[in-house]
Protein backbone atom coordinates (compact mmCIF):
# COMPACT_ATOMS: atom_id res chain seq x y z
CA MET A 1 -7.18 -23.47 6.53
CA ALA A 2 -3.80 -20.99 5.81
CA PRO A 3 -4.58 -16.97 6.55
CA LYS A 4 -5.60 -15.25 3.51
CA ILE A 5 -4.03 -11.44 2.59
CA LEU A 6 -5.88 -9.12 0.27
CA VAL A 7 -3.17 -7.19 -1.71
CA VAL A 8 -4.24 -4.41 -3.90
CA LEU A 9 -2.03 -3.56 -6.67
CA THR A 10 -2.16 -0.28 -8.62
CA SER A 11 -2.80 0.31 -12.52
CA PHE A 12 -1.12 3.07 -12.77
CA GLY A 13 2.30 3.00 -14.54
CA HIS A 14 3.42 6.59 -16.78
CA ILE A 15 3.38 9.85 -15.30
CA GLU A 16 2.96 11.95 -18.28
CA ALA A 17 4.22 15.44 -16.73
CA ALA A 18 7.28 13.53 -15.47
CA ASN A 19 7.67 11.62 -19.01
CA SER A 20 8.45 8.67 -17.17
CA PRO A 21 7.51 5.15 -16.39
CA THR A 22 6.95 5.14 -12.56
CA GLY A 23 6.05 1.54 -12.57
CA CYS A 24 3.95 1.85 -9.54
CA LEU A 25 4.49 -0.96 -7.10
CA SER A 26 7.66 -0.95 -4.98
CA LEU A 27 9.65 -4.03 -5.31
CA PRO A 28 10.61 -4.33 -1.17
CA THR A 29 7.09 -3.28 -0.54
CA LEU A 30 5.85 -6.05 -2.59
CA THR A 31 8.03 -9.04 -1.00
CA THR A 32 6.27 -7.98 2.23
CA SER A 33 3.78 -10.72 2.36
CA TRP A 34 5.22 -12.89 0.23
CA PRO A 35 5.42 -16.66 1.26
CA PRO A 36 6.35 -17.74 3.73
CA ARG A 37 3.96 -15.54 4.42
CA PRO A 38 0.04 -16.31 4.19
CA SER A 39 -1.29 -16.78 0.48
CA SER A 40 -2.82 -13.71 -1.05
CA SER A 41 -4.74 -12.31 -3.92
CA TRP A 42 -3.08 -9.68 -6.12
CA PRO A 43 -5.91 -7.64 -7.61
CA PRO A 44 -5.36 -4.05 -9.26
CA PRO A 45 -8.18 -1.71 -10.43
CA LYS A 46 -8.10 -2.52 -13.73
CA GLY A 47 -7.13 -6.35 -14.08
CA GLY A 48 -4.25 -7.55 -16.40
CA GLU A 49 -0.81 -6.54 -16.00
CA ALA A 50 0.26 -4.53 -13.32
CA PRO A 51 3.16 -1.87 -13.86
CA LEU A 52 6.36 -2.56 -11.93
CA ASP A 53 8.64 0.05 -10.94
CA PRO A 54 11.31 0.14 -12.59
CA ALA A 55 13.30 2.41 -10.70
CA SER A 56 12.87 -0.17 -7.75
CA VAL A 57 13.98 -2.61 -9.50
CA LYS A 58 17.01 -0.99 -10.52
CA MET A 59 17.41 0.21 -6.74
CA PHE A 60 17.36 -3.55 -5.06
CA GLU A 61 19.19 -4.95 -7.65
CA GLN A 62 21.00 -6.27 -5.04
CA ASP A 63 18.24 -7.52 -2.76
CA ALA A 64 18.37 -11.27 -2.94
CA GLU A 65 14.72 -11.04 -1.87
CA SER A 66 13.55 -9.08 -4.00
CA GLN A 67 15.58 -9.93 -7.27
CA GLU A 68 14.23 -13.93 -6.16
CA PHE A 69 10.68 -12.38 -6.46
CA LEU A 70 10.92 -10.60 -9.69
CA LYS A 71 12.39 -13.67 -11.35
CA THR A 72 10.01 -16.64 -10.15
CA LYS A 73 6.74 -14.61 -9.00
CA THR A 74 5.66 -12.92 -12.06
CA ASP A 75 2.41 -14.67 -12.62
CA VAL A 76 1.64 -12.32 -8.98
CA TRP A 77 1.29 -9.06 -10.86
CA LYS A 78 1.23 -9.76 -14.67
CA SER A 79 -1.94 -12.08 -14.41
CA THR A 80 -4.87 -10.22 -12.42
CA GLN A 81 -8.14 -10.09 -12.00
CA LYS A 82 -10.09 -6.55 -11.90
CA LEU A 83 -10.41 -5.14 -8.44
CA SER A 84 -14.29 -4.93 -8.58
CA THR A 85 -14.53 -8.68 -8.71
CA PHE A 86 -13.25 -8.76 -4.87
CA ARG A 87 -16.67 -6.34 -3.50
CA GLY A 88 -18.46 -8.26 -0.69
CA LYS A 89 -15.73 -10.68 -0.45
CA ALA A 90 -13.97 -8.95 2.93
CA ALA A 91 -15.02 -12.53 4.45
CA GLU A 92 -12.81 -14.86 2.54
CA PHE A 93 -9.68 -13.07 3.53
CA ASP A 94 -7.94 -11.98 6.97
CA ALA A 95 -6.34 -9.01 5.97
CA LEU A 96 -6.35 -6.10 3.72
CA PHE A 97 -2.67 -4.62 2.25
CA TYR A 98 -1.69 -1.64 -0.22
CA PRO A 99 2.08 -2.13 -1.33
CA GLY A 100 3.84 1.47 -2.12
CA GLY A 101 4.90 2.97 -5.21
CA HIS A 102 3.60 6.20 -6.40
CA GLY A 103 0.75 4.58 -8.60
CA PRO A 104 -1.51 4.66 -5.34
CA MET A 105 -1.53 8.56 -5.65
CA PHE A 106 -2.93 8.74 -9.19
CA ASP A 107 -5.41 5.82 -8.96
CA LEU A 108 -6.23 4.07 -6.03
CA ALA A 109 -6.45 6.93 -3.66
CA ASN A 110 -9.76 7.91 -5.16
CA ASP A 111 -11.03 4.03 -6.61
CA ALA A 112 -14.29 3.77 -5.43
CA ASP A 113 -13.65 -0.02 -5.22
CA SER A 114 -10.77 0.30 -3.27
CA ILE A 115 -12.48 2.87 -0.90
CA ALA A 116 -15.59 0.40 -0.89
CA LEU A 117 -13.18 -2.55 0.25
CA ILE A 118 -11.39 -0.67 2.98
CA GLN A 119 -14.54 -0.18 4.25
CA GLU A 120 -15.74 -3.92 4.36
CA PHE A 121 -12.51 -4.77 6.06
CA VAL A 122 -12.57 -2.28 8.81
CA ALA A 123 -16.46 -2.90 9.08
CA ALA A 124 -15.51 -6.87 9.64
CA GLY A 125 -12.95 -5.54 11.90
CA LYS A 126 -9.96 -6.92 9.87
CA PRO A 127 -6.70 -5.96 9.73
CA VAL A 128 -5.85 -2.91 6.77
CA ALA A 129 -2.28 -2.01 6.17
CA ALA A 130 -0.35 0.06 3.93
CA VAL A 131 3.09 1.03 3.13
CA CYS A 132 4.93 3.92 1.61
CA HIS A 133 2.82 5.60 -1.14
CA GLY A 134 -0.04 2.93 -0.34
CA PRO A 135 -1.13 4.89 2.39
CA ALA A 136 -2.72 7.18 -0.25
CA VAL A 137 -5.66 4.75 -0.05
CA PHE A 138 -7.01 5.98 3.34
CA THR A 139 -7.26 9.55 2.31
CA ASN A 140 -11.00 9.49 0.93
CA VAL A 141 -12.67 6.50 3.30
CA THR A 142 -15.10 7.35 5.58
CA LEU A 143 -16.71 5.52 8.05
CA PRO A 144 -20.72 4.85 8.04
CA ASP A 145 -21.21 7.99 9.98
CA GLY A 146 -19.43 9.77 7.57
CA THR A 147 -16.09 10.29 9.97
CA PRO A 148 -12.88 10.39 7.93
CA LEU A 149 -11.31 6.73 8.67
CA LEU A 150 -7.84 8.74 9.43
CA LYS A 151 -9.50 10.85 11.91
CA GLY A 152 -7.62 10.64 15.09
CA LYS A 153 -5.61 8.06 13.79
CA GLU A 154 -1.55 7.99 14.52
CA ALA A 155 -0.76 7.01 10.76
CA THR A 156 2.17 7.45 8.55
CA GLY A 157 3.30 7.52 4.92
CA PHE A 158 5.37 8.93 2.35
CA SER A 159 6.89 12.13 3.82
CA ASN A 160 6.93 15.83 2.18
CA VAL A 161 10.76 15.84 2.86
CA GLU A 162 11.50 12.15 1.17
CA GLU A 163 9.19 13.17 -2.24
CA ASP A 164 11.42 16.49 -2.26
CA GLN A 165 14.19 14.41 -2.01
CA ALA A 166 13.43 11.94 -4.69
CA GLN A 167 12.60 15.15 -6.84
CA MET A 168 9.10 13.74 -7.78
CA THR A 169 6.97 16.42 -5.51
CA LYS A 170 6.64 18.27 -8.49
CA TYR A 171 4.73 15.48 -10.36
CA MET A 172 2.31 14.44 -7.51
CA PRO A 173 -1.45 15.36 -7.17
CA PHE A 174 -0.39 15.73 -3.61
CA LEU A 175 1.68 15.57 -1.16
CA LEU A 176 0.86 12.30 1.32
CA GLU A 177 1.73 13.93 4.72
CA ASP A 178 -0.12 16.68 3.59
CA LYS A 179 -3.60 15.14 2.64
CA MET A 180 -3.02 12.39 5.14
CA GLN A 181 -3.58 15.06 8.00
CA ALA A 182 -5.97 17.25 6.01
CA ALA A 183 -7.93 14.11 6.40
CA GLY A 184 -7.61 14.03 10.62
CA ALA A 185 -4.28 11.76 10.90
CA THR A 186 -2.04 12.46 13.87
CA TYR A 187 0.68 11.76 10.84
CA LYS A 188 4.09 10.67 12.46
CA LYS A 189 7.43 10.53 10.31
CA ALA A 190 10.85 8.76 11.57
CA GLY A 191 13.67 11.05 12.78
CA GLU A 192 15.58 10.74 9.34
CA PRO A 193 13.96 10.56 5.82
CA TRP A 194 13.92 7.36 4.80
CA GLY A 195 14.26 5.70 8.10
CA PRO A 196 11.77 3.20 9.09
CA LEU A 197 8.68 3.70 10.90
CA VAL A 198 5.65 1.46 11.26
CA LEU A 199 2.66 2.42 13.06
CA SER A 200 0.39 0.11 14.34
CA VAL A 201 -2.87 1.23 16.32
CA ASP A 202 -6.66 0.32 16.90
CA GLY A 203 -5.33 -3.16 18.23
CA GLY A 204 -3.21 -4.03 15.46
CA LYS A 205 -5.75 -3.05 13.05
CA PHE A 206 -5.11 -0.08 11.54
CA ILE A 207 -1.12 -0.59 10.19
CA THR A 208 0.78 2.02 8.09
CA GLY A 209 4.25 2.25 7.13
CA GLN A 210 6.73 5.19 6.24
CA ASN A 211 8.93 4.13 3.43
CA PRO A 212 10.54 1.14 1.26
CA ALA A 213 12.75 0.55 4.59
CA SER A 214 9.22 0.10 6.18
CA ALA A 215 7.83 -2.85 4.37
CA LYS A 216 9.00 -5.27 6.61
CA GLY A 217 7.81 -4.08 9.59
CA VAL A 218 4.44 -3.96 8.11
CA GLY A 219 4.46 -7.39 6.91
CA GLU A 220 5.58 -8.29 10.30
CA ALA A 221 2.59 -6.11 11.98
CA ILE A 222 0.23 -7.67 9.83
CA LEU A 223 1.33 -11.14 10.50
CA LYS A 224 0.71 -10.47 14.41
CA ALA A 225 -2.49 -8.73 13.61
CA ILE A 226 -3.86 -11.66 11.96
CA GLY A 227 -2.27 -14.44 14.65
CA VAL A 228 0.62 -15.93 12.02
């Protein structure tokens, strides 16, 4: 049987303070786990259509892989099941992955179903991964003894400098770099803003990538972790 990855999307698509449709899915971080990758399921918290980041679509309009995905795989984000329907189903998947975009900062970081799923996959010894703003989903996750999941782990995510350069800092509910450090992570970042950085720790069971440039590396780390 082919390996399966559960890819969790966000339902948050508009930042009111910025009066901007942030669209919450960063296009290259979506294509990271698409075939010839393993088969995937893509649930956002609310189900239905998950918003796609229009700025990402524009930014990567010359990227052939991203555009092919955009044109031919619309069902991936337009017809989804609710995230809650996947609770208790970690045994059916080989890994759990959270793409980027600003959306996870607003909904998935505090979503009870998402937190429970991460706890289930970790307890089952299966890889959990996130890229760009996706690592926000780990900041409120605890282990059975109450220890923060991030405590003592080397991890990365969208940096404060990158958020400043994107001119989005004032619109964020928190800064991901700061929140990860507050949760006990040993936060790492690339030598230059927007440079790729992928960290794989706990024997490949915990994978984080800093930004869109890190998406491919995160995908490769997931595949290595599940033996593909």
